[in-house]
Amino acid sequence: MQSNKYVFCGCAVEIQCDEKIKPEAEFSKFLSDFLEADYTVRVIHTDNLPTEVGEPVFRSQRRKIYVDGDTRVYTAYSNTKLRKYVDFACKVNDSELYIKFDDELREVTVFDGLDLPSMLLEKGIGIIHCSFVEYNGSAILFVGDKQVGKSTQAGLWNRYLGADVINGDRAAVYFENGNFFADGIPFCGTSKICKNKKLPIKALVCLSIGSNNKLEKLSSLEAFMKVVGKFSYNNTKDAVETVSTLVSKMVENLPVYSYSCLKDESAVHFLKDELWKE
């Protein structure tokens, strides 16, 4: 049996499988070694997924969660030929993952089926949609709606200040030893920018497009409302409570800004000067 070991934000995950799992660059960056896993999951390649039992406690287009003695999480993909979502994976109690696929097993398929963000959330680690850059030894997280310019601002910081883009689409955030940290995560969207690096968070910057550069520090309530909807989680009671607690603590301990800005070099220097003026 093949065994692959990964560490995400200090969470150790061991994947066991009778078949070879095709490696992919983003996930291979998180391969590690350890003596004891937080989660050990056996992957089973099958033609038939376990039977659904009862009514789901949560349902979205891509996930269904059933709780009946066992917790079963079904994951689907969009089948363009059938024009509907089709289940391809079922995780049972964080210990078994059944995958129904005709072709070879891939790392991205395994971790999609595992619902890695939910596993990490059980450890108090949240996944937020953002562009994550490193500057001066700290993390800046650019948050906002689609097409608002998260990747553009990250690219501008790289171009004009030499900032390192750690992830172009998401970051893992968590509280540790009195501080909030951002960590790399293998999910990086179409940016394909993914690095395995942990940094203390300097600020969260909620972007909007403006006719000039204007920065405003948000109150805790304003920051909570801006940020909470940017996290990835299944809308179950436990997940909602965990994310709400995490975001509440974040906005009480970190500066969160609203930044209406241009998409040019001036936006970079204006924000940098404001964040580091002390």
Protein backbone atom coordinates (compact mmCIF):
# COMPACT_ATOMS: atom_id res chain seq x y z
CA MET A 1 0.00 0.00 0.00
CA GLN A 2 1.28 3.44 -0.97
CA SER A 3 1.44 6.09 1.75
CA ASN A 4 1.78 9.83 1.09
CA LYS A 5 2.24 12.27 3.97
CA TYR A 6 1.34 15.97 3.83
CA VAL A 7 1.39 18.83 6.31
CA PHE A 8 -0.99 21.77 5.84
CA CYS A 9 -0.66 24.58 8.40
CA GLY A 10 0.68 22.11 10.95
CA CYS A 11 -2.12 19.60 10.27
CA ALA A 12 -0.62 16.20 9.34
CA VAL A 13 -2.58 14.12 6.81
CA GLU A 14 -1.59 10.63 5.69
CA ILE A 15 -3.14 9.22 2.50
CA GLN A 16 -3.03 5.45 2.03
CA CYS A 17 -3.98 3.78 -1.23
CA ASP A 18 -3.44 0.48 -3.04
CA GLU A 19 -2.96 2.42 -6.29
CA LYS A 20 -0.46 5.08 -7.23
CA ILE A 21 -1.80 8.60 -6.88
CA LYS A 22 -0.57 10.91 -9.65
CA PRO A 23 1.41 13.76 -8.08
CA GLU A 24 0.72 17.39 -8.94
CA ALA A 25 2.95 20.38 -8.36
CA GLU A 26 0.68 22.29 -5.97
CA PHE A 27 0.11 19.40 -3.57
CA SER A 28 3.60 17.93 -3.81
CA LYS A 29 4.93 21.14 -2.20
CA PHE A 30 3.23 20.05 1.02
CA LEU A 31 4.68 16.55 1.18
CA SER A 32 6.41 16.02 4.51
CA ASP A 33 7.22 13.37 7.09
CA PHE A 34 5.94 12.82 10.60
CA LEU A 35 5.44 10.08 13.17
CA GLU A 36 1.79 10.71 14.01
CA ALA A 37 -0.97 11.94 11.70
CA ASP A 38 -3.92 14.12 12.64
CA TYR A 39 -5.88 12.31 9.92
CA THR A 40 -5.15 8.96 8.27
CA VAL A 41 -7.36 8.34 5.25
CA ARG A 42 -7.57 5.23 3.12
CA VAL A 43 -8.47 5.95 -0.51
CA ILE A 44 -10.58 3.31 -2.27
CA HIS A 45 -10.99 3.43 -6.05
CA THR A 46 -14.44 1.98 -6.77
CA ASP A 47 -17.22 1.75 -9.33
CA ASN A 48 -19.87 2.27 -6.64
CA LEU A 49 -19.97 4.90 -3.93
CA PRO A 50 -21.44 4.06 -0.49
CA THR A 51 -25.21 4.35 -0.29
CA GLU A 52 -26.79 7.60 0.84
CA VAL A 53 -28.71 7.13 4.10
CA GLY A 54 -31.59 9.36 5.24
CA GLU A 55 -31.83 13.05 4.49
CA PRO A 56 -28.78 15.30 4.12
CA VAL A 57 -28.07 17.78 6.90
CA PHE A 58 -26.40 19.99 4.30
CA ARG A 59 -26.70 20.23 0.54
CA SER A 60 -25.13 22.47 -2.09
CA GLN A 61 -24.39 21.95 -5.77
CA ARG A 62 -21.09 20.20 -4.97
CA ARG A 63 -21.48 18.79 -1.44
CA LYS A 64 -23.98 16.68 0.47
CA ILE A 65 -23.48 15.70 4.11
CA TYR A 66 -25.31 12.81 5.74
CA VAL A 67 -25.08 11.96 9.44
CA ASP A 68 -26.45 8.57 10.47
CA GLY A 69 -23.98 6.86 12.77
CA ASP A 70 -21.33 7.67 10.17
CA THR A 71 -20.73 11.10 8.67
CA ARG A 72 -20.68 10.82 4.89
CA VAL A 73 -19.68 13.71 2.67
CA TYR A 74 -20.45 13.34 -1.05
CA THR A 75 -18.63 15.56 -3.54
CA ALA A 76 -19.78 16.18 -7.12
CA TYR A 77 -18.37 17.68 -10.29
CA SER A 78 -20.20 19.45 -13.09
CA ASN A 79 -20.73 17.04 -15.99
CA THR A 80 -21.15 19.24 -19.06
CA LYS A 81 -22.46 16.39 -21.21
CA LEU A 82 -25.20 15.46 -18.74
CA ARG A 83 -25.67 19.10 -17.71
CA LYS A 84 -25.82 18.24 -14.03
CA TYR A 85 -23.61 17.61 -11.01
CA VAL A 86 -22.48 13.99 -10.59
CA ASP A 87 -21.11 12.52 -7.35
CA PHE A 88 -17.55 11.26 -7.70
CA ALA A 89 -16.40 10.91 -4.08
CA CYS A 90 -17.66 9.95 -0.65
CA LYS A 91 -15.69 10.57 2.53
CA VAL A 92 -16.67 8.52 5.58
CA ASN A 93 -15.70 9.74 9.05
CA ASP A 94 -12.44 11.34 7.89
CA SER A 95 -10.96 7.84 7.59
CA GLU A 96 -12.13 6.41 4.26
CA LEU A 97 -12.47 8.10 0.89
CA TYR A 98 -14.28 6.32 -1.93
CA ILE A 99 -13.60 7.73 -5.40
CA LYS A 100 -15.59 6.77 -8.49
CA PHE A 101 -13.42 7.67 -11.45
CA ASP A 102 -12.55 5.68 -14.55
CA ASP A 103 -9.16 7.27 -15.07
CA GLU A 104 -6.12 7.47 -12.80
CA LEU A 105 -6.26 8.88 -9.30
CA ARG A 106 -4.85 12.40 -8.99
CA GLU A 107 -3.87 14.40 -5.93
CA VAL A 108 -6.33 17.17 -6.74
CA THR A 109 -9.16 14.62 -7.03
CA VAL A 110 -8.26 13.06 -3.69
CA PHE A 111 -8.10 16.35 -1.78
CA ASP A 112 -11.23 17.68 -3.44
CA GLY A 113 -13.03 14.54 -2.33
CA LEU A 114 -11.57 14.85 1.16
CA ASP A 115 -12.98 18.38 1.42
CA LEU A 116 -9.66 19.58 2.83
CA PRO A 117 -10.98 23.03 3.88
CA SER A 118 -13.53 21.37 6.17
CA MET A 119 -10.89 19.09 7.68
CA LEU A 120 -8.67 22.07 8.41
CA LEU A 121 -11.62 24.01 9.84
CA GLU A 122 -12.01 21.24 12.43
CA LYS A 123 -8.54 22.33 13.62
CA GLY A 124 -9.51 26.03 13.70
CA ILE A 125 -7.86 26.79 10.34
CA GLY A 126 -9.98 28.79 7.89
CA ILE A 127 -9.54 29.12 4.12
CA ILE A 128 -10.17 32.62 2.79
CA HIS A 129 -10.43 33.70 -0.86
CA CYS A 130 -7.80 36.38 -1.37
CA SER A 131 -4.50 37.22 -3.00
CA PHE A 132 -1.76 36.56 -0.43
CA VAL A 133 1.52 38.47 -0.71
CA GLU A 134 4.62 38.69 1.46
CA TYR A 135 6.27 42.04 2.05
CA ASN A 136 8.82 42.96 4.71
CA GLY A 137 8.37 39.59 6.44
CA SER A 138 4.58 39.91 6.80
CA ALA A 139 1.46 38.80 4.96
CA ILE A 140 -0.98 41.16 3.29
CA LEU A 141 -4.27 39.61 2.24
CA PHE A 142 -6.18 41.33 -0.57
CA VAL A 143 -9.87 40.46 -0.22
CA GLY A 144 -12.77 41.35 -2.48
CA ASP A 145 -15.37 40.29 -5.01
CA LYS A 146 -14.53 38.80 -8.40
CA GLN A 147 -12.92 41.15 -10.92
CA VAL A 148 -12.21 43.78 -8.25
CA GLY A 149 -8.46 43.51 -8.74
CA LYS A 150 -7.06 41.17 -6.07
CA SER A 151 -4.61 39.53 -8.47
CA THR A 152 -3.84 42.90 -10.08
CA GLN A 153 -2.83 44.46 -6.76
CA ALA A 154 -0.74 41.42 -5.85
CA GLY A 155 1.00 41.65 -9.23
CA LEU A 156 1.62 45.38 -8.78
CA TRP A 157 3.18 44.78 -5.36
CA ASN A 158 5.44 42.18 -6.93
CA ARG A 159 6.41 44.46 -9.80
CA TYR A 160 7.07 47.68 -7.91
CA LEU A 161 8.14 46.50 -4.43
CA GLY A 162 9.44 43.00 -5.10
CA ALA A 163 6.74 41.49 -2.88
CA ASP A 164 6.45 37.71 -3.15
CA VAL A 165 3.03 36.35 -4.18
CA ILE A 166 2.47 33.29 -1.97
CA ASN A 167 -0.96 32.34 -3.36
CA GLY A 168 -2.98 34.05 -6.05
CA ASP A 169 -6.38 32.82 -4.89
CA ARG A 170 -6.52 31.66 -1.24
CA ALA A 171 -4.79 31.61 2.12
CA ALA A 172 -5.15 29.53 5.24
CA VAL A 173 -5.49 31.68 8.37
CA TYR A 174 -5.30 30.67 12.02
CA PHE A 175 -4.46 31.88 15.51
CA GLU A 176 -1.29 30.54 17.14
CA ASN A 177 0.67 31.63 20.20
CA GLY A 178 -1.11 34.96 20.44
CA ASN A 179 -0.85 35.92 16.76
CA PHE A 180 -2.69 35.39 13.48
CA PHE A 181 -0.81 33.72 10.64
CA ALA A 182 -1.42 33.17 6.94
CA ASP A 183 -0.14 29.98 5.38
CA GLY A 184 0.13 28.66 1.86
CA ILE A 185 -2.48 26.18 0.68
CA PRO A 186 -2.47 24.00 -2.49
CA PHE A 187 -5.72 25.46 -3.85
CA CYS A 188 -4.72 28.45 -5.97
CA GLY A 189 -7.37 28.82 -8.70
CA THR A 190 -6.37 29.89 -12.18
CA SER A 191 -3.41 31.89 -10.87
CA LYS A 192 -1.37 28.68 -10.40
CA ILE A 193 0.69 30.62 -7.82
CA CYS A 194 1.14 28.43 -4.76
CA LYS A 195 3.93 28.41 -2.18
CA ASN A 196 4.23 26.61 1.12
CA LYS A 197 5.06 29.48 3.47
CA LYS A 198 3.80 30.74 6.85
CA LEU A 199 3.82 34.45 7.75
CA PRO A 200 2.34 36.72 10.43
CA ILE A 201 -0.54 38.77 9.05
CA LYS A 202 0.03 42.52 8.76
CA ALA A 203 -3.44 43.47 7.49
CA LEU A 204 -6.51 42.45 5.51
CA VAL A 205 -7.30 44.85 2.70
CA CYS A 206 -10.84 44.80 1.27
CA LEU A 207 -10.59 46.16 -2.26
CA SER A 208 -12.91 48.19 -4.44
CA ILE A 209 -12.27 50.08 -7.67
CA GLY A 210 -11.93 53.84 -7.21
CA SER A 211 -11.09 57.04 -9.06
CA ASN A 212 -8.32 57.71 -6.52
CA ASN A 213 -6.62 55.92 -3.63
CA LYS A 214 -8.59 56.05 -0.38
CA LEU A 215 -7.93 53.86 2.67
CA GLU A 216 -10.31 53.52 5.62
CA LYS A 217 -9.83 51.37 8.71
CA LEU A 218 -13.01 49.40 9.40
CA SER A 219 -14.70 48.85 12.74
CA SER A 220 -14.84 45.29 14.04
CA LEU A 221 -18.48 44.93 12.94
CA GLU A 222 -17.83 46.41 9.48
CA ALA A 223 -14.76 44.18 9.08
CA PHE A 224 -16.68 41.07 10.13
CA MET A 225 -19.40 41.71 7.55
CA LYS A 226 -16.82 42.30 4.80
CA VAL A 227 -14.68 39.26 5.58
CA VAL A 228 -16.90 36.41 6.80
CA GLY A 229 -18.42 35.72 3.37
CA LYS A 230 -14.98 35.20 1.83
CA PHE A 231 -14.29 31.97 3.74
CA SER A 232 -14.80 28.49 2.27
CA TYR A 233 -17.03 26.24 4.39
CA ASN A 234 -20.07 24.03 4.26
CA ASN A 235 -23.04 25.83 5.76
CA THR A 236 -23.56 23.47 8.69
CA LYS A 237 -24.13 24.67 12.26
CA ASP A 238 -20.68 23.62 13.48
CA ALA A 239 -18.89 25.16 10.48
CA VAL A 240 -20.79 28.44 10.76
CA GLU A 241 -19.98 28.69 14.47
CA THR A 242 -16.28 27.91 13.88
CA VAL A 243 -15.91 30.43 11.06
CA SER A 244 -17.83 33.08 12.98
CA THR A 245 -15.59 32.61 16.03
CA LEU A 246 -12.43 32.71 13.89
CA VAL A 247 -13.46 35.87 12.00
CA SER A 248 -14.61 37.61 15.19
CA LYS A 249 -11.19 37.01 16.72
CA MET A 250 -9.44 38.11 13.52
CA VAL A 251 -11.19 41.47 13.28
CA GLU A 252 -10.55 42.16 16.96
CA ASN A 253 -6.81 41.45 16.63
CA LEU A 254 -5.93 42.54 13.09
CA PRO A 255 -6.38 45.79 11.17
CA VAL A 256 -8.93 45.43 8.37
CA TYR A 257 -9.14 48.18 5.77
CA SER A 258 -11.47 49.22 2.99
CA TYR A 259 -9.30 50.32 0.07
CA SER A 260 -10.79 52.08 -2.93
CA CYS A 261 -7.92 52.36 -5.34
CA LEU A 262 -6.50 52.69 -8.80
CA LYS A 263 -4.89 49.80 -10.64
CA ASP A 264 -1.46 51.35 -10.98
CA GLU A 265 1.82 51.95 -9.16
CA SER A 266 0.38 54.78 -7.06
CA ALA A 267 -1.97 52.34 -5.30
CA VAL A 268 0.99 50.24 -4.18
CA HIS A 269 3.03 53.06 -2.64
CA PHE A 270 -0.01 54.70 -1.06
CA LEU A 271 -1.01 51.50 0.75
CA LYS A 272 2.55 50.57 1.70
CA ASP A 273 3.18 53.99 3.22
CA GLU A 274 -0.06 53.80 5.22
CA LEU A 275 0.52 50.28 6.52
CA TRP A 276 4.12 50.92 7.55
CA LYS A 277 3.97 54.61 8.52
CA GLU A 278 4.34 53.77 12.22
